[in-house]
Protein backbone atom coordinates (compact mmCIF):
# COMPACT_ATOMS: atom_id res chain seq x y z
CA MET A 1 -0.03 0.09 0.04
CA GLN A 2 1.28 3.31 -1.07
CA ASN A 3 2.55 5.53 2.12
CA GLU A 4 0.09 8.57 1.48
CA MET A 5 -2.94 6.05 1.18
CA LYS A 6 -2.05 4.26 4.18
CA ASN A 7 -1.62 7.56 6.21
CA PHE A 8 -5.16 8.48 4.62
CA LEU A 9 -6.69 5.40 5.67
CA THR A 10 -5.12 5.29 9.13
CA ASP A 11 -6.35 8.97 9.88
CA LEU A 12 -9.78 8.25 8.50
CA ILE A 13 -10.09 4.98 10.55
CA CYS A 14 -8.95 6.80 13.79
CA GLU A 15 -11.61 9.93 13.19
CA ILE A 16 -14.09 7.26 12.75
CA GLN A 17 -12.95 5.24 15.99
CA GLU A 18 -13.12 8.34 18.03
CA LYS A 19 -16.85 9.19 17.05
CA TYR A 20 -17.72 5.65 17.82
CA ASN A 21 -15.93 5.90 21.44
CA HIS A 22 -17.59 9.18 21.74
CA SER A 23 -20.90 7.72 21.05
CA LEU A 24 -20.36 5.26 23.92
CA SER A 25 -19.12 7.64 26.68
CA SER A 26 -20.78 11.06 25.87
CA PHE A 27 -24.44 11.11 27.27
CA PRO A 28 -26.12 13.27 29.97
CA LYS A 29 -27.12 11.83 33.25
CA GLU A 30 -30.98 11.82 32.44
CA GLU A 31 -30.65 10.65 28.92
CA GLY A 32 -34.09 9.78 27.69
CA LEU A 33 -35.04 6.68 25.73
CA GLU A 34 -35.23 8.50 22.39
CA GLU A 35 -31.84 10.03 22.99
CA LYS A 36 -30.37 6.91 24.16
CA ASN A 37 -31.65 4.91 21.14
CA TYR A 38 -30.37 7.73 18.61
CA ARG A 39 -26.84 7.42 20.33
CA LEU A 40 -26.79 3.86 20.17
CA GLY A 41 -27.83 4.03 16.43
CA MET A 42 -25.03 6.42 15.65
CA ASN A 43 -22.58 3.84 17.67
CA PHE A 44 -23.86 1.05 15.60
CA ALA A 45 -23.55 3.20 12.30
CA TYR A 46 -19.78 4.01 13.23
CA TYR A 47 -19.13 0.39 13.85
CA ASP A 48 -20.87 -0.71 10.46
CA VAL A 49 -18.48 1.74 8.74
CA LEU A 50 -15.42 0.42 10.37
CA GLU A 51 -16.52 -3.22 9.47
CA LEU A 52 -17.10 -2.18 5.95
CA ILE A 53 -13.67 -0.55 5.63
CA GLU A 54 -11.78 -3.71 7.27
CA ASP A 55 -13.95 -5.97 4.82
CA GLN A 56 -12.80 -4.05 1.87
CA LEU A 57 -9.11 -3.72 3.00
CA LYS A 58 -9.10 -7.65 3.40
CA SER A 59 -10.90 -8.25 0.04
CA PHE A 60 -8.16 -6.31 -1.71
CA GLY A 61 -5.44 -8.31 0.08
CA TYR A 62 -4.42 -6.01 2.77
CA SER A 63 -4.03 -7.04 6.35
CA GLU A 64 -4.63 -5.34 9.46
CA ASP A 65 -0.86 -5.47 10.17
CA ASN A 66 -0.79 -2.60 7.82
CA ILE A 67 -3.03 -0.41 9.78
CA GLY A 68 -3.94 -1.91 13.11
CA ILE A 69 -7.20 -2.77 14.67
CA ILE A 70 -9.96 -1.55 12.71
CA THR A 71 -13.33 -2.81 13.99
CA PRO A 72 -14.03 -2.87 17.88
CA ILE A 73 -16.10 -5.19 19.69
CA LEU A 74 -19.65 -3.84 19.15
CA GLY A 75 -20.60 -1.82 22.41
CA LYS A 76 -16.95 -1.83 23.75
CA LYS A 77 -14.64 1.33 23.41
CA ILE A 78 -11.66 0.69 21.11
CA SER A 79 -8.35 1.35 22.54
CA LYS A 80 -5.48 2.72 20.30
């Protein structure tokens, strides 16, 4: 993988992972059911995008060794 493309993908994945983590930890004390469902829906959407990126990289012959962990365990924060 070209270095410029690897840097782009690494940055993109990192940004999405941060949004994923944020959707798990950033909520008010008195979060209503509607707000919670919205937040968890966003969390699943970020997870889905990360999984799609990982699947596409694998289908094109790239391994996680080139970039690192991409897809977290759903509902768990990803550590870097």
